[in-house]
Amino acid sequence: MELSLPETFEAYSDARKAGFLKVKTAKEGGRRVAGTFCTFTPLEILDAAGMLAVSLCGMSAETIPAAGSICRAISARSSNRATAFM
């Protein structure tokens, strides 16, 4: 599967470019990629499943509103499930 890079790829820092290229190469090679939210994901499970873990957290201290709303929704569902067993 041939994938294309973002139009603004050349403006990225070298480290960010390397990350994009690593994911592109993995996906083109048929490897599954899983996006994770910082330290909330047990990376050992993804590794055991042969998946490449990619952090969805940004490189700055600024929040990402869409990501924050998703994290809050996941936390709320997890809390509701946990209290159901108490």
PDB file of N, CA and C in Angstrom:
ATOM      1  N   MET A   1       0.843  -1.161   0.000  1.00  0.00           N
ATOM      2  CA  MET A   1       0.000   0.000   0.000  1.00  0.00           C
ATOM      3  C   MET A   1       0.900   1.240   0.000  1.00  0.00           C
ATOM      4  N   GLU A   2       0.742   2.078  -0.977  1.00  0.00           N
ATOM      5  CA  GLU A   2       1.539   3.309  -1.090  1.00  0.00           C
ATOM      6  C   GLU A   2       0.819   4.434  -0.361  1.00  0.00           C
ATOM      7  N   LEU A   3       1.516   5.067   0.564  1.00  0.00           N
ATOM      8  CA  LEU A   3       0.952   6.163   1.349  1.00  0.00           C
ATOM      9  C   LEU A   3       1.654   7.461   0.992  1.00  0.00           C
ATOM     10  N   SER A   4       0.963   8.569   1.151  1.00  0.00           N
ATOM     11  CA  SER A   4       1.590   9.864   0.873  1.00  0.00           C
ATOM     12  C   SER A   4       1.836  10.602   2.180  1.00  0.00           C
ATOM     13  N   LEU A   5       2.826  11.453   2.158  1.00  0.00           N
ATOM     14  CA  LEU A   5       3.175  12.266   3.323  1.00  0.00           C
ATOM     15  C   LEU A   5       2.367  13.562   3.302  1.00  0.00           C
ATOM     16  N   PRO A   6       2.231  14.218   4.468  1.00  0.00           N
ATOM     17  CA  PRO A   6       1.494  15.487   4.504  1.00  0.00           C
ATOM     18  C   PRO A   6       2.140  16.531   3.587  1.00  0.00           C
ATOM     19  N   GLU A   7       1.332  17.436   3.082  1.00  0.00           N
ATOM     20  CA  GLU A   7       1.842  18.486   2.184  1.00  0.00           C
ATOM     21  C   GLU A   7       2.892  19.356   2.870  1.00  0.00           C
ATOM     22  N   THR A   8       2.797  19.524   4.167  1.00  0.00           N
ATOM     23  CA  THR A   8       3.717  20.393   4.916  1.00  0.00           C
ATOM     24  C   THR A   8       4.930  19.623   5.458  1.00  0.00           C
ATOM     25  N   PHE A   9       5.149  18.411   4.961  1.00  0.00           N
ATOM     26  CA  PHE A   9       6.212  17.548   5.479  1.00  0.00           C
ATOM     27  C   PHE A   9       7.576  18.229   5.503  1.00  0.00           C
ATOM     28  N   GLU A  10       7.936  18.945   4.476  1.00  0.00           N
ATOM     29  CA  GLU A  10       9.269  19.564   4.390  1.00  0.00           C
ATOM     30  C   GLU A  10       9.495  20.626   5.462  1.00  0.00           C
ATOM     31  N   ALA A  11       8.436  21.162   6.035  1.00  0.00           N
ATOM     32  CA  ALA A  11       8.577  22.191   7.070  1.00  0.00           C
ATOM     33  C   ALA A  11       8.798  21.577   8.459  1.00  0.00           C
ATOM     34  N   TYR A  12       8.641  20.264   8.593  1.00  0.00           N
ATOM     35  CA  TYR A  12       8.782  19.601   9.899  1.00  0.00           C
ATOM     36  C   TYR A  12      10.251  19.524  10.314  1.00  0.00           C
ATOM     37  N   SER A  13      10.458  19.392  11.626  1.00  0.00           N
ATOM     38  CA  SER A  13      11.811  19.187  12.138  1.00  0.00           C
ATOM     39  C   SER A  13      12.290  17.795  11.711  1.00  0.00           C
ATOM     40  N   ASP A  14      13.590  17.568  11.786  1.00  0.00           N
ATOM     41  CA  ASP A  14      14.143  16.277  11.373  1.00  0.00           C
ATOM     42  C   ASP A  14      13.567  15.125  12.195  1.00  0.00           C
ATOM     43  N   ALA A  15      13.395  15.341  13.503  1.00  0.00           N
ATOM     44  CA  ALA A  15      12.856  14.281  14.361  1.00  0.00           C
ATOM     45  C   ALA A  15      11.424  13.941  13.969  1.00  0.00           C
ATOM     46  N   ARG A  16      10.632  14.952  13.673  1.00  0.00           N
ATOM     47  CA  ARG A  16       9.241  14.709  13.281  1.00  0.00           C
ATOM     48  C   ARG A  16       9.183  14.021  11.916  1.00  0.00           C
ATOM     49  N   LYS A  17      10.051  14.419  10.999  1.00  0.00           N
ATOM     50  CA  LYS A  17      10.117  13.760   9.690  1.00  0.00           C
ATOM     51  C   LYS A  17      10.447  12.276   9.855  1.00  0.00           C
ATOM     52  N   ALA A  18      11.416  11.993  10.722  1.00  0.00           N
ATOM     53  CA  ALA A  18      11.830  10.605  10.945  1.00  0.00           C
ATOM     54  C   ALA A  18      10.664   9.775  11.477  1.00  0.00           C
ATOM     55  N   GLY A  19       9.864  10.362  12.362  1.00  0.00           N
ATOM     56  CA  GLY A  19       8.706   9.651  12.889  1.00  0.00           C
ATOM     57  C   GLY A  19       7.689   9.333  11.809  1.00  0.00           C
ATOM     58  N   PHE A  20       7.400  10.301  10.954  1.00  0.00           N
ATOM     59  CA  PHE A  20       6.461  10.085   9.848  1.00  0.00           C
ATOM     60  C   PHE A  20       6.975   8.986   8.920  1.00  0.00           C
ATOM     61  N   LEU A  21       8.264   9.035   8.603  1.00  0.00           N
ATOM     62  CA  LEU A  21       8.828   8.043   7.695  1.00  0.00           C
ATOM     63  C   LEU A  21       8.802   6.646   8.306  1.00  0.00           C
ATOM     64  N   LYS A  22       9.042   6.546   9.615  1.00  0.00           N
ATOM     65  CA  LYS A  22       9.009   5.245  10.295  1.00  0.00           C
ATOM     66  C   LYS A  22       7.612   4.636  10.217  1.00  0.00           C
ATOM     67  N   VAL A  23       6.588   5.437  10.476  1.00  0.00           N
ATOM     68  CA  VAL A  23       5.212   4.949  10.420  1.00  0.00           C
ATOM     69  C   VAL A  23       4.830   4.590   8.981  1.00  0.00           C
ATOM     70  N   LYS A  24       5.217   5.433   8.034  1.00  0.00           N
ATOM     71  CA  LYS A  24       4.902   5.186   6.621  1.00  0.00           C
ATOM     72  C   LYS A  24       5.518   3.867   6.169  1.00  0.00           C
ATOM     73  N   THR A  25       6.769   3.645   6.512  1.00  0.00           N
ATOM     74  CA  THR A  25       7.456   2.414   6.132  1.00  0.00           C
ATOM     75  C   THR A  25       6.796   1.196   6.777  1.00  0.00           C
ATOM     76  N   ALA A  26       6.441   1.323   8.048  1.00  0.00           N
ATOM     77  CA  ALA A  26       5.799   0.215   8.757  1.00  0.00           C
ATOM     78  C   ALA A  26       4.460  -0.143   8.122  1.00  0.00           C
ATOM     79  N   LYS A  27       3.653   0.872   7.844  1.00  0.00           N
ATOM     80  CA  LYS A  27       2.330   0.619   7.253  1.00  0.00           C
ATOM     81  C   LYS A  27       2.439   0.058   5.845  1.00  0.00           C
ATOM     82  N   GLU A  28       3.374   0.575   5.058  1.00  0.00           N
ATOM     83  CA  GLU A  28       3.561   0.057   3.704  1.00  0.00           C
ATOM     84  C   GLU A  28       4.041  -1.393   3.729  1.00  0.00           C
ATOM     85  N   GLY A  29       4.732  -1.770   4.796  1.00  0.00           N
ATOM     86  CA  GLY A  29       5.202  -3.142   4.950  1.00  0.00           C
ATOM     87  C   GLY A  29       4.163  -4.074   5.555  1.00  0.00           C
ATOM     88  N   GLY A  30       2.971  -3.544   5.810  1.00  0.00           N
ATOM     89  CA  GLY A  30       1.896  -4.373   6.337  1.00  0.00           C
ATOM     90  C   GLY A  30       1.824  -4.438   7.848  1.00  0.00           C
ATOM     91  N   ARG A  31       2.664  -3.689   8.539  1.00  0.00           N
ATOM     92  CA  ARG A  31       2.638  -3.709  10.002  1.00  0.00           C
ATOM     93  C   ARG A  31       1.477  -2.862  10.515  1.00  0.00           C
ATOM     94  N   ARG A  32       0.849  -3.320  11.571  1.00  0.00           N
ATOM     95  CA  ARG A  32      -0.241  -2.566  12.174  1.00  0.00           C
ATOM     96  C   ARG A  32       0.331  -1.501  13.095  1.00  0.00           C
ATOM     97  N   VAL A  33      -0.315  -0.344  13.102  1.00  0.00           N
ATOM     98  CA  VAL A  33       0.126   0.803  13.903  1.00  0.00           C
ATOM     99  C   VAL A  33      -1.004   1.190  14.842  1.00  0.00           C
ATOM    100  N   ALA A  34      -0.668   1.431  16.110  1.00  0.00           N
ATOM    101  CA  ALA A  34      -1.667   1.832  17.097  1.00  0.00           C
ATOM    102  C   ALA A  34      -1.279   3.187  17.685  1.00  0.00           C
ATOM    103  N   GLY A  35      -2.200   4.142  17.628  1.00  0.00           N
ATOM    104  CA  GLY A  35      -1.976   5.442  18.254  1.00  0.00           C
ATOM    105  C   GLY A  35      -2.283   5.357  19.736  1.00  0.00           C
ATOM    106  N   THR A  36      -1.404   5.917  20.563  1.00  0.00           N
ATOM    107  CA  THR A  36      -1.583   5.861  22.017  1.00  0.00           C
ATOM    108  C   THR A  36      -1.584   7.259  22.613  1.00  0.00           C
ATOM    109  N   PHE A  37      -2.228   7.377  23.762  1.00  0.00           N
ATOM    110  CA  PHE A  37      -2.228   8.639  24.502  1.00  0.00           C
ATOM    111  C   PHE A  37      -1.190   8.555  25.606  1.00  0.00           C
ATOM    112  N   CYS A  38      -0.022   9.085  25.353  1.00  0.00           N
ATOM    113  CA  CYS A  38       1.073   9.191  26.333  1.00  0.00           C
ATOM    114  C   CYS A  38       1.308   7.886  27.084  1.00  0.00           C
ATOM    115  N   THR A  39       1.291   7.956  28.405  1.00  0.00           N
ATOM    116  CA  THR A  39       1.666   6.797  29.220  1.00  0.00           C
ATOM    117  C   THR A  39       0.483   5.956  29.652  1.00  0.00           C
ATOM    118  N   PHE A  40      -0.689   6.194  29.096  1.00  0.00           N
ATOM    119  CA  PHE A  40      -1.876   5.479  29.531  1.00  0.00           C
ATOM    120  C   PHE A  40      -2.055   4.125  28.849  1.00  0.00           C
ATOM    121  N   THR A  41      -1.164   3.743  27.996  1.00  0.00           N
ATOM    122  CA  THR A  41      -1.299   2.508  27.240  1.00  0.00           C
ATOM    123  C   THR A  41      -0.199   1.526  27.623  1.00  0.00           C
ATOM    124  N   PRO A  42      -0.557   0.265  27.906  1.00  0.00           N
ATOM    125  CA  PRO A  42       0.481  -0.740  28.188  1.00  0.00           C
ATOM    126  C   PRO A  42       1.177  -1.148  26.886  1.00  0.00           C
ATOM    127  N   LEU A  43       2.320  -0.562  26.643  1.00  0.00           N
ATOM    128  CA  LEU A  43       3.034  -0.783  25.383  1.00  0.00           C
ATOM    129  C   LEU A  43       3.451  -2.234  25.189  1.00  0.00           C
ATOM    130  N   GLU A  44       3.608  -2.974  26.294  1.00  0.00           N
ATOM    131  CA  GLU A  44       4.008  -4.377  26.205  1.00  0.00           C
ATOM    132  C   GLU A  44       2.970  -5.188  25.432  1.00  0.00           C
ATOM    133  N   ILE A  45       1.693  -4.859  25.607  1.00  0.00           N
ATOM    134  CA  ILE A  45       0.634  -5.595  24.920  1.00  0.00           C
ATOM    135  C   ILE A  45       0.694  -5.325  23.415  1.00  0.00           C
ATOM    136  N   LEU A  46       0.887  -4.055  23.055  1.00  0.00           N
ATOM    137  CA  LEU A  46       0.988  -3.726  21.632  1.00  0.00           C
ATOM    138  C   LEU A  46       2.210  -4.384  21.012  1.00  0.00           C
ATOM    139  N   ASP A  47       3.309  -4.377  21.738  1.00  0.00           N
ATOM    140  CA  ASP A  47       4.534  -4.998  21.244  1.00  0.00           C
ATOM    141  C   ASP A  47       4.333  -6.505  21.058  1.00  0.00           C
ATOM    142  N   ALA A  48       3.686  -7.137  22.014  1.00  0.00           N
ATOM    143  CA  ALA A  48       3.429  -8.579  21.920  1.00  0.00           C
ATOM    144  C   ALA A  48       2.524  -8.901  20.731  1.00  0.00           C
ATOM    145  N   ALA A  49       1.653  -7.955  20.371  1.00  0.00           N
ATOM    146  CA  ALA A  49       0.762  -8.148  19.227  1.00  0.00           C
ATOM    147  C   ALA A  49       1.436  -7.793  17.908  1.00  0.00           C
ATOM    148  N   GLY A  50       2.711  -7.393  17.972  1.00  0.00           N
ATOM    149  CA  GLY A  50       3.445  -7.044  16.762  1.00  0.00           C
ATOM    150  C   GLY A  50       3.080  -5.688  16.196  1.00  0.00           C
ATOM    151  N   MET A  51       2.514  -4.834  17.036  1.00  0.00           N
ATOM    152  CA  MET A  51       2.079  -3.511  16.575  1.00  0.00           C
ATOM    153  C   MET A  51       3.120  -2.446  16.908  1.00  0.00           C
ATOM    154  N   LEU A  52       3.184  -1.430  16.079  1.00  0.00           N
ATOM    155  CA  LEU A  52       4.036  -0.279  16.319  1.00  0.00           C
ATOM    156  C   LEU A  52       3.218   0.753  17.080  1.00  0.00           C
ATOM    157  N   ALA A  53       3.659   1.131  18.274  1.00  0.00           N
ATOM    158  CA  ALA A  53       2.963   2.128  19.079  1.00  0.00           C
ATOM    159  C   ALA A  53       3.449   3.518  18.685  1.00  0.00           C
ATOM    160  N   VAL A  54       2.502   4.416  18.443  1.00  0.00           N
ATOM    161  CA  VAL A  54       2.821   5.783  18.055  1.00  0.00           C
ATOM    162  C   VAL A  54       2.103   6.723  19.008  1.00  0.00           C
ATOM    163  N   SER A  55       2.846   7.602  19.660  1.00  0.00           N
ATOM    164  CA  SER A  55       2.251   8.547  20.593  1.00  0.00           C
ATOM    165  C   SER A  55       1.453   9.605  19.843  1.00  0.00           C
ATOM    166  N   LEU A  56       0.234   9.847  20.298  1.00  0.00           N
ATOM    167  CA  LEU A  56      -0.608  10.867  19.695  1.00  0.00           C
ATOM    168  C   LEU A  56      -0.475  12.196  20.424  1.00  0.00           C
ATOM    169  N   CYS A  57       0.345  12.230  21.452  1.00  0.00           N
ATOM    170  CA  CYS A  57       0.552  13.461  22.214  1.00  0.00           C
ATOM    171  C   CYS A  57       1.472  14.390  21.432  1.00  0.00           C
ATOM    172  N   GLY A  58       1.212  15.668  21.543  1.00  0.00           N
ATOM    173  CA  GLY A  58       2.002  16.651  20.821  1.00  0.00           C
ATOM    174  C   GLY A  58       3.360  16.871  21.433  1.00  0.00           C
ATOM    175  N   MET A  59       4.154  17.660  20.744  1.00  0.00           N
ATOM    176  CA  MET A  59       5.505  17.958  21.202  1.00  0.00           C
ATOM    177  C   MET A  59       5.574  19.291  21.945  1.00  0.00           C
ATOM    178  N   SER A  60       4.404  19.872  22.222  1.00  0.00           N
ATOM    179  CA  SER A  60       4.405  21.140  22.947  1.00  0.00           C
ATOM    180  C   SER A  60       3.506  21.005  24.165  1.00  0.00           C
ATOM    181  N   ALA A  61       3.511  22.020  25.006  1.00  0.00           N
ATOM    182  CA  ALA A  61       2.691  22.011  26.219  1.00  0.00           C
ATOM    183  C   ALA A  61       1.243  22.404  25.927  1.00  0.00           C
ATOM    184  N   GLU A  62       0.955  22.828  24.692  1.00  0.00           N
ATOM    185  CA  GLU A  62      -0.406  23.225  24.351  1.00  0.00           C
ATOM    186  C   GLU A  62      -1.315  22.005  24.292  1.00  0.00           C
ATOM    187  N   THR A  63      -2.548  22.181  24.744  1.00  0.00           N
ATOM    188  CA  THR A  63      -3.495  21.075  24.686  1.00  0.00           C
ATOM    189  C   THR A  63      -4.087  20.960  23.291  1.00  0.00           C
ATOM    190  N   ILE A  64      -4.606  19.793  22.997  1.00  0.00           N
ATOM    191  CA  ILE A  64      -5.299  19.539  21.740  1.00  0.00           C
ATOM    192  C   ILE A  64      -6.754  19.302  22.129  1.00  0.00           C
ATOM    193  N   PRO A  65      -7.641  20.276  21.895  1.00  0.00           N
ATOM    194  CA  PRO A  65      -9.025  20.166  22.371  1.00  0.00           C
ATOM    195  C   PRO A  65      -9.720  18.858  21.995  1.00  0.00           C
ATOM    196  N   ALA A  66      -9.582  18.408  20.772  1.00  0.00           N
ATOM    197  CA  ALA A  66     -10.254  17.168  20.350  1.00  0.00           C
ATOM    198  C   ALA A  66      -9.730  15.969  21.137  1.00  0.00           C
ATOM    199  N   ALA A  67      -8.418  15.921  21.345  1.00  0.00           N
ATOM    200  CA  ALA A  67      -7.833  14.812  22.101  1.00  0.00           C
ATOM    201  C   ALA A  67      -8.291  14.850  23.551  1.00  0.00           C
ATOM    202  N   GLY A  68      -8.380  16.049  24.112  1.00  0.00           N
ATOM    203  CA  GLY A  68      -8.840  16.183  25.491  1.00  0.00           C
ATOM    204  C   GLY A  68     -10.255  15.678  25.676  1.00  0.00           C
ATOM    205  N   SER A  69     -11.126  15.973  24.723  1.00  0.00           N
ATOM    206  CA  SER A  69     -12.513  15.520  24.850  1.00  0.00           C
ATOM    207  C   SER A  69     -12.596  14.001  24.723  1.00  0.00           C
ATOM    208  N   ILE A  70     -11.768  13.407  23.883  1.00  0.00           N
ATOM    209  CA  ILE A  70     -11.751  11.950  23.747  1.00  0.00           C
ATOM    210  C   ILE A  70     -11.248  11.308  25.032  1.00  0.00           C
ATOM    211  N   CYS A  71     -10.176  11.858  25.599  1.00  0.00           N
ATOM    212  CA  CYS A  71      -9.623  11.312  26.845  1.00  0.00           C
ATOM    213  C   CYS A  71     -10.644  11.403  27.980  1.00  0.00           C
ATOM    214  N   ARG A  72     -11.354  12.530  28.055  1.00  0.00           N
ATOM    215  CA  ARG A  72     -12.373  12.671  29.099  1.00  0.00           C
ATOM    216  C   ARG A  72     -13.490  11.651  28.917  1.00  0.00           C
ATOM    217  N   ALA A  73     -13.907  11.414  27.689  1.00  0.00           N
ATOM    218  CA  ALA A  73     -14.970  10.441  27.425  1.00  0.00           C
ATOM    219  C   ALA A  73     -14.519   9.030  27.797  1.00  0.00           C
ATOM    220  N   ILE A  74     -13.298   8.690  27.458  1.00  0.00           N
ATOM    221  CA  ILE A  74     -12.764   7.363  27.796  1.00  0.00           C
ATOM    222  C   ILE A  74     -12.664   7.218  29.303  1.00  0.00           C
ATOM    223  N   SER A  75     -12.173   8.246  29.986  1.00  0.00           N
ATOM    224  CA  SER A  75     -12.048   8.202  31.446  1.00  0.00           C
ATOM    225  C   SER A  75     -13.411   8.039  32.100  1.00  0.00           C
ATOM    226  N   ALA A  76     -14.408   8.749  31.593  1.00  0.00           N
ATOM    227  CA  ALA A  76     -15.750   8.662  32.171  1.00  0.00           C
ATOM    228  C   ALA A  76     -16.316   7.253  32.011  1.00  0.00           C
ATOM    229  N   ARG A  77     -16.155   6.667  30.825  1.00  0.00           N
ATOM    230  CA  ARG A  77     -16.645   5.306  30.604  1.00  0.00           C
ATOM    231  C   ARG A  77     -15.927   4.315  31.505  1.00  0.00           C
ATOM    232  N   SER A  78     -14.607   4.477  31.650  1.00  0.00           N
ATOM    233  CA  SER A  78     -13.832   3.578  32.499  1.00  0.00           C
ATOM    234  C   SER A  78     -14.264   3.700  33.946  1.00  0.00           C
ATOM    235  N   SER A  79     -14.511   4.917  34.403  1.00  0.00           N
ATOM    236  CA  SER A  79     -14.952   5.137  35.779  1.00  0.00           C
ATOM    237  C   SER A  79     -16.314   4.509  36.015  1.00  0.00           C
ATOM    238  N   ASN A  80     -17.212   4.662  35.066  1.00  0.00           N
ATOM    239  CA  ASN A  80     -18.545   4.078  35.198  1.00  0.00           C
ATOM    240  C   ASN A  80     -18.475   2.561  35.275  1.00  0.00           C
ATOM    241  N   ARG A  81     -17.626   1.964  34.460  1.00  0.00           N
ATOM    242  CA  ARG A  81     -17.487   0.503  34.482  1.00  0.00           C
ATOM    243  C   ARG A  81     -16.878   0.038  35.794  1.00  0.00           C
ATOM    244  N   ALA A  82     -15.880   0.774  36.278  1.00  0.00           N
ATOM    245  CA  ALA A  82     -15.212   0.395  37.515  1.00  0.00           C
ATOM    246  C   ALA A  82     -16.164   0.466  38.708  1.00  0.00           C
ATOM    247  N   THR A  83     -16.990   1.512  38.768  1.00  0.00           N
ATOM    248  CA  THR A  83     -17.910   1.659  39.910  1.00  0.00           C
ATOM    249  C   THR A  83     -19.035   0.633  39.856  1.00  0.00           C
ATOM    250  N   ALA A  84     -19.312   0.075  38.692  1.00  0.00           N
ATOM    251  CA  ALA A  84     -20.358  -0.931  38.587  1.00  0.00           C
ATOM    252  C   ALA A  84     -19.990  -2.210  39.371  1.00  0.00           C
ATOM    253  N   PHE A  85     -18.696  -2.417  39.595  1.00  0.00           N
ATOM    254  CA  PHE A  85     -18.255  -3.609  40.324  1.00  0.00           C
ATOM    255  C   PHE A  85     -18.063  -3.365  41.805  1.00  0.00           C
ATOM    256  N   MET A  86     -18.294  -2.167  42.265  1.00  0.00           N
ATOM    257  CA  MET A  86     -18.097  -1.847  43.687  1.00  0.00           C
ATOM    258  C   MET A  86     -19.335  -2.102  44.490  1.00  0.00           C
TER     259      MET A  86
END
